[in-house]
């Protein structure tokens, strides 16, 4: 199975490349600028010609949620126009695409976890650009699986886990963490493993209809940012690595340029039923992430 993974610098792309290294049946080419620039048609065509992929996974995106409010043109250029160009190139070669999207397509006002049939209502430039990217991919390539996810983290890069570690070692006193937004913390290596399994399903002749469409995929169980940070702290303390003090605060006490949806939780039943794939519980992801960080710091 030969894959192009667009957006090599992101944590999902890096996790995919790492997992692929231990998968003998996978040749993964994680490509970003300048080798693959989804804004440039010639770059996209060259990448497809060089790799000749069986399937592509689009992780390339503008993900700076707050900066997008001031840079809407760039957000739409990458998240909508770039996604369309990548999906069109795949469609011309009869190649399926897995395209990643986000919980920001919803306003977060629903009281229950979101299902795929809920009407998207983005309240940010980032969310609107990702929603239009979904539609662009859907129209460009009939062989698509659009995966909405959120609260992705890992032991490296810029994410909630590493931010908590940084603050814990540089801040005096307890850390203020929002306790009235809910989501599904999803460990990037777990998510990457599932995406490769999904790719195998989509390329398998025995899978039948393949289940093209939009799906919600996140770790089972949901929590708040505060409880997520608390779980991280408890695992770090168990490993005798770090002690973290936390203070729960409200969204109103944490000012951001772009509005954060209060409910980011997903119901993943459709994906589970269609592909018979399921992520580990979110707490298992935290435990593995802390273990990975421990091993890296001991080297």
Protein backbone atom coordinates (compact mmCIF):
# COMPACT_ATOMS: atom_id res chain seq x y z
CA UNK A 1 0.00 0.00 0.00
CA UNK A 2 1.61 3.24 -1.20
CA UNK A 3 0.39 6.41 0.51
CA UNK A 4 0.90 10.11 0.13
CA UNK A 5 0.44 11.93 3.43
CA UNK A 6 0.20 15.66 2.86
CA UNK A 7 1.40 18.06 5.53
CA UNK A 8 4.47 16.31 6.94
CA UNK A 9 5.08 18.82 9.78
CA UNK A 10 1.76 18.24 11.65
CA UNK A 11 1.51 15.83 14.58
CA UNK A 12 -0.93 13.51 12.76
CA UNK A 13 1.30 13.34 9.69
CA UNK A 14 4.33 12.64 11.86
CA UNK A 15 2.47 9.95 13.78
CA UNK A 16 1.35 8.37 10.49
CA UNK A 17 4.93 8.31 9.23
CA UNK A 18 6.16 6.76 12.48
CA UNK A 19 3.47 4.06 12.53
CA UNK A 20 4.08 3.29 8.85
CA UNK A 21 7.74 2.55 9.59
CA UNK A 22 6.68 -0.47 11.63
CA UNK A 23 4.12 -1.61 9.02
CA UNK A 24 5.78 -3.83 6.40
CA UNK A 25 2.80 -3.52 4.05
CA UNK A 26 2.91 0.30 3.97
CA UNK A 27 5.11 2.66 1.94
CA UNK A 28 4.22 6.10 3.26
CA UNK A 29 5.50 9.33 1.77
CA UNK A 30 4.85 12.23 4.16
CA UNK A 31 5.28 15.31 2.00
CA UNK A 32 5.06 18.98 2.78
CA UNK A 33 6.37 22.22 1.32
CA UNK A 34 8.31 22.47 -0.91
CA UNK A 35 7.97 18.83 -2.07
CA UNK A 36 4.17 19.05 -1.87
CA UNK A 37 2.37 22.38 -1.67
CA UNK A 38 -1.39 21.91 -2.00
CA UNK A 39 -1.64 25.56 -3.09
CA UNK A 40 0.43 24.80 -6.22
CA UNK A 41 -1.13 22.54 -8.93
CA UNK A 42 2.28 21.68 -10.40
CA UNK A 43 3.59 20.61 -7.00
CA UNK A 44 0.56 18.39 -6.44
CA UNK A 45 0.83 16.78 -9.88
CA UNK A 46 4.55 16.16 -9.43
CA UNK A 47 3.99 14.44 -6.08
CA UNK A 48 1.34 12.13 -7.51
CA UNK A 49 3.51 11.27 -10.51
CA UNK A 50 6.55 10.55 -8.36
CA UNK A 51 4.77 8.38 -5.78
CA UNK A 52 1.94 6.79 -7.78
CA UNK A 53 -0.12 6.25 -4.59
CA UNK A 54 -2.86 3.72 -3.92
CA UNK A 55 -4.51 6.13 -1.47
CA UNK A 56 -3.85 9.61 -0.09
CA UNK A 57 -4.38 11.10 3.36
CA UNK A 58 -4.77 14.85 3.54
CA UNK A 59 -3.55 16.30 6.83
CA UNK A 60 -2.34 19.59 5.32
CA UNK A 61 -4.26 22.48 6.85
CA UNK A 62 -4.18 25.95 8.31
CA UNK A 63 -4.80 25.14 11.99
CA UNK A 64 -4.08 28.42 13.82
CA UNK A 65 -7.62 28.92 15.08
CA UNK A 66 -7.15 32.44 16.44
CA UNK A 67 -4.84 33.69 13.66
CA UNK A 68 -7.39 32.58 11.08
CA UNK A 69 -9.70 35.36 12.23
CA UNK A 70 -7.11 37.84 10.90
CA UNK A 71 -5.94 35.69 7.95
CA UNK A 72 -9.14 34.34 6.37
CA UNK A 73 -7.74 34.31 2.83
CA UNK A 74 -4.85 32.06 3.82
CA UNK A 75 -7.14 29.78 5.87
CA UNK A 76 -9.47 29.25 2.91
CA UNK A 77 -6.57 28.91 0.47
CA UNK A 78 -5.23 25.93 2.41
CA UNK A 79 -8.32 24.38 4.01
CA UNK A 80 -10.73 24.69 1.07
CA UNK A 81 -8.83 25.35 -2.15
CA UNK A 82 -5.84 23.20 -1.29
CA UNK A 83 -8.07 20.34 -0.18
CA UNK A 84 -10.01 20.55 -3.46
CA UNK A 85 -6.84 20.52 -5.55
CA UNK A 86 -5.46 17.49 -3.69
CA UNK A 87 -8.77 15.59 -3.98
CA UNK A 88 -9.09 16.40 -7.68
CA UNK A 89 -5.60 15.09 -8.39
CA UNK A 90 -6.49 11.86 -6.61
CA UNK A 91 -9.81 11.56 -8.47
CA UNK A 92 -8.11 11.90 -11.88
CA UNK A 93 -6.14 8.79 -10.98
CA UNK A 94 -9.05 6.90 -9.40
CA UNK A 95 -7.29 7.13 -6.01
CA UNK A 96 -9.31 7.32 -2.76
CA UNK A 97 -8.73 10.13 -0.28
CA UNK A 98 -8.98 10.27 3.50
CA UNK A 99 -9.45 13.92 4.43
CA UNK A 100 -9.20 15.21 7.99
CA UNK A 101 -11.65 17.73 9.40
CA UNK A 102 -12.61 19.10 12.80
CA UNK A 103 -15.24 19.60 15.50
CA UNK A 104 -15.03 23.33 14.76
CA UNK A 105 -17.58 22.78 11.96
CA UNK A 106 -20.14 22.78 14.81
CA UNK A 107 -21.06 25.62 17.16
CA UNK A 108 -20.77 23.40 20.24
CA UNK A 109 -24.21 24.26 21.58
CA UNK A 110 -25.64 20.74 21.41
CA UNK A 111 -26.02 19.07 24.81
CA UNK A 112 -25.18 15.57 23.51
CA UNK A 113 -22.28 14.24 21.42
CA UNK A 114 -22.41 15.24 17.77
CA UNK A 115 -23.40 12.73 15.08
CA UNK A 116 -22.71 13.02 11.37
CA UNK A 117 -26.27 14.11 10.52
CA UNK A 118 -26.15 17.16 12.83
CA UNK A 119 -26.19 20.43 10.90
CA UNK A 120 -22.78 22.14 10.87
CA UNK A 121 -22.79 25.69 12.24
CA UNK A 122 -19.21 26.98 12.42
CA UNK A 123 -18.67 30.17 14.41
CA UNK A 124 -15.02 30.76 13.44
CA UNK A 125 -13.11 31.39 10.21
CA UNK A 126 -11.16 28.20 10.84
CA UNK A 127 -14.35 26.15 11.24
CA UNK A 128 -15.94 27.67 8.13
CA UNK A 129 -12.82 27.05 6.04
CA UNK A 130 -12.72 23.41 7.16
CA UNK A 131 -16.43 22.94 6.43
CA UNK A 132 -15.99 24.33 2.92
CA UNK A 133 -12.97 22.04 2.57
CA UNK A 134 -15.18 19.05 3.37
CA UNK A 135 -17.61 20.06 0.64
CA UNK A 136 -14.78 20.67 -1.82
CA UNK A 137 -13.39 17.17 -1.24
CA UNK A 138 -16.85 15.62 -1.41
CA UNK A 139 -17.52 17.21 -4.80
CA UNK A 140 -14.05 16.60 -6.21
CA UNK A 141 -13.62 12.90 -5.43
CA UNK A 142 -16.47 10.39 -4.95
CA UNK A 143 -14.02 8.00 -3.27
CA UNK A 144 -13.66 9.98 -0.06
CA UNK A 145 -13.74 9.39 3.67
CA UNK A 146 -13.89 12.65 5.58
CA UNK A 147 -12.82 12.15 9.18
CA UNK A 148 -13.81 14.74 11.76
CA UNK A 149 -11.76 14.62 14.93
CA UNK A 150 -10.42 16.91 17.64
CA UNK A 151 -8.31 17.35 20.76
CA UNK A 152 -5.38 15.55 19.15
CA UNK A 153 -2.20 15.43 21.24
CA UNK A 154 1.14 13.64 21.42
CA UNK A 155 4.39 13.67 23.39
CA UNK A 156 6.04 16.05 20.93
CA UNK A 157 5.13 19.13 18.93
CA UNK A 158 2.66 21.86 19.88
CA UNK A 159 -0.43 20.51 21.61
CA UNK A 160 -2.23 20.48 24.94
CA UNK A 161 -0.02 17.80 26.48
CA UNK A 162 3.27 19.55 25.73
CA UNK A 163 1.76 22.92 26.68
CA UNK A 164 0.85 21.60 30.12
CA UNK A 165 4.39 20.26 30.55
CA UNK A 166 5.91 23.58 29.53
CA UNK A 167 3.68 25.59 31.86
CA UNK A 168 4.24 23.20 34.75
CA UNK A 169 7.99 23.78 34.58
CA UNK A 170 7.90 27.55 34.01
CA UNK A 171 4.90 28.79 36.02
CA UNK A 172 4.76 29.46 39.73
CA UNK A 173 1.51 28.47 41.37
CA UNK A 174 -1.35 26.41 39.95
CA UNK A 175 -2.16 26.35 36.23
CA UNK A 176 -5.52 27.80 35.17
CA UNK A 177 -7.31 25.29 32.93
CA UNK A 178 -10.78 25.64 31.39
CA UNK A 179 -13.32 23.28 32.94
CA UNK A 180 -16.51 24.02 30.94
CA UNK A 181 -15.50 22.80 27.47
CA UNK A 182 -15.85 19.10 26.73
CA UNK A 183 -14.16 16.93 24.12
CA UNK A 184 -12.56 13.58 23.34
CA UNK A 185 -8.77 13.70 23.93
CA UNK A 186 -7.27 11.58 21.15
CA UNK A 187 -3.67 10.36 21.18
CA UNK A 188 -2.04 10.95 17.79
CA UNK A 189 -0.26 7.55 17.48
CA UNK A 190 -3.53 5.73 18.27
CA UNK A 191 -5.32 7.86 15.70
CA UNK A 192 -2.59 7.26 13.10
CA UNK A 193 -2.77 3.49 13.62
CA UNK A 194 -6.52 3.59 13.09
CA UNK A 195 -6.14 5.69 9.90
CA UNK A 196 -3.76 3.13 8.41
CA UNK A 197 -6.22 0.36 9.30
CA UNK A 198 -8.95 2.41 7.64
CA UNK A 199 -6.80 2.77 4.51
CA UNK A 200 -6.38 -1.00 4.40
CA UNK A 201 -10.16 -1.45 4.67
CA UNK A 202 -10.80 1.02 1.85
CA UNK A 203 -8.35 -0.75 -0.46
CA UNK A 204 -9.59 -4.23 0.40
CA UNK A 205 -11.78 -5.91 -2.20
CA UNK A 206 -13.63 -7.71 0.60
CA UNK A 207 -14.84 -4.44 2.10
CA UNK A 208 -17.63 -4.15 -0.47
CA UNK A 209 -19.20 -0.71 -0.69
CA UNK A 210 -16.29 0.82 1.21
CA UNK A 211 -18.50 3.29 3.04
CA UNK A 212 -17.53 6.58 1.44
CA UNK A 213 -18.75 9.59 3.40
CA UNK A 214 -18.27 11.66 6.54
CA UNK A 215 -17.39 10.09 9.89
CA UNK A 216 -16.65 11.18 13.44
CA UNK A 217 -13.56 9.55 14.93
CA UNK A 218 -12.21 10.22 18.42
CA UNK A 219 -11.20 8.31 21.53
CA UNK A 220 -14.13 6.88 23.53
CA UNK A 221 -15.17 8.86 26.57
CA UNK A 222 -15.16 12.62 26.97
CA UNK A 223 -13.88 15.09 29.52
CA UNK A 224 -12.99 18.75 30.08
CA UNK A 225 -9.64 20.41 29.52
CA UNK A 226 -9.22 20.60 33.29
CA UNK A 227 -9.93 16.90 33.82
CA UNK A 228 -7.67 16.09 30.87
CA UNK A 229 -4.85 18.05 32.49
CA UNK A 230 -5.60 16.34 35.81
CA UNK A 231 -5.24 12.91 34.14
CA UNK A 232 -1.92 14.00 32.66
CA UNK A 233 -0.74 15.20 36.07
CA UNK A 234 -1.75 12.02 37.84
CA UNK A 235 0.14 9.89 35.31
CA UNK A 236 3.22 12.09 35.62
CA UNK A 237 3.09 11.88 39.41
CA UNK A 238 2.73 8.09 39.24
CA UNK A 239 5.88 8.02 37.14
CA UNK A 240 7.53 10.29 39.72
CA UNK A 241 8.40 12.78 37.01
CA UNK A 242 6.48 15.95 37.75
CA UNK A 243 3.91 17.39 40.13
CA UNK A 244 1.29 19.66 38.57
CA UNK A 245 -1.11 21.92 40.44
CA UNK A 246 -4.28 22.95 38.63
CA UNK A 247 -7.02 25.52 39.05
CA UNK A 248 -10.32 25.07 37.14
CA UNK A 249 -11.63 28.20 35.38
CA UNK A 250 -14.50 29.04 33.02
CA UNK A 251 -14.26 29.88 29.33
CA UNK A 252 -15.26 33.43 30.23
CA UNK A 253 -12.06 33.69 32.26
CA UNK A 254 -9.87 32.58 29.34
CA UNK A 255 -9.97 35.12 26.53
CA UNK A 256 -9.34 33.97 22.94
CA UNK A 257 -9.86 35.77 19.63
CA UNK A 258 -11.87 32.91 18.13
CA UNK A 259 -14.81 31.46 20.03
CA UNK A 260 -14.26 27.95 21.43
CA UNK A 261 -17.22 25.54 21.18
CA UNK A 262 -18.33 24.37 24.65
CA UNK A 263 -19.22 20.89 23.38
CA UNK A 264 -16.62 19.23 21.13
CA UNK A 265 -17.70 15.64 21.79
CA UNK A 266 -18.33 13.09 19.06
CA UNK A 267 -20.55 10.04 18.74
CA UNK A 268 -18.42 7.60 16.70
CA UNK A 269 -21.00 4.81 16.33
CA UNK A 270 -21.29 5.20 12.53
CA UNK A 271 -17.55 4.72 12.05
CA UNK A 272 -17.42 1.77 14.46
CA UNK A 273 -20.34 0.06 12.72
CA UNK A 274 -19.07 0.69 9.18
CA UNK A 275 -15.42 -0.24 9.56
CA UNK A 276 -15.29 -2.27 12.80
CA UNK A 277 -12.52 0.00 14.05
CA UNK A 278 -12.35 1.69 17.44
CA UNK A 279 -9.78 3.75 19.30
CA UNK A 280 -8.64 2.94 22.86
CA UNK A 281 -10.20 4.88 25.73
CA UNK A 282 -8.86 8.43 26.06
CA UNK A 283 -7.29 7.61 29.43
CA UNK A 284 -5.24 4.85 27.77
CA UNK A 285 -3.93 7.43 25.33
CA UNK A 286 -2.78 9.69 28.17
CA UNK A 287 -1.00 6.79 29.86
CA UNK A 288 0.82 5.84 26.66
CA UNK A 289 1.70 9.46 25.91
CA UNK A 290 3.27 9.91 29.35
CA UNK A 291 5.18 6.64 28.92
CA UNK A 292 6.45 7.82 25.53
CA UNK A 293 7.54 11.15 27.00
CA UNK A 294 9.25 9.35 29.90
CA UNK A 295 11.24 7.15 27.55
CA UNK A 296 12.31 10.14 25.46
CA UNK A 297 13.50 12.10 28.50
CA UNK A 298 15.50 9.14 29.82
CA UNK A 299 17.64 8.83 26.71
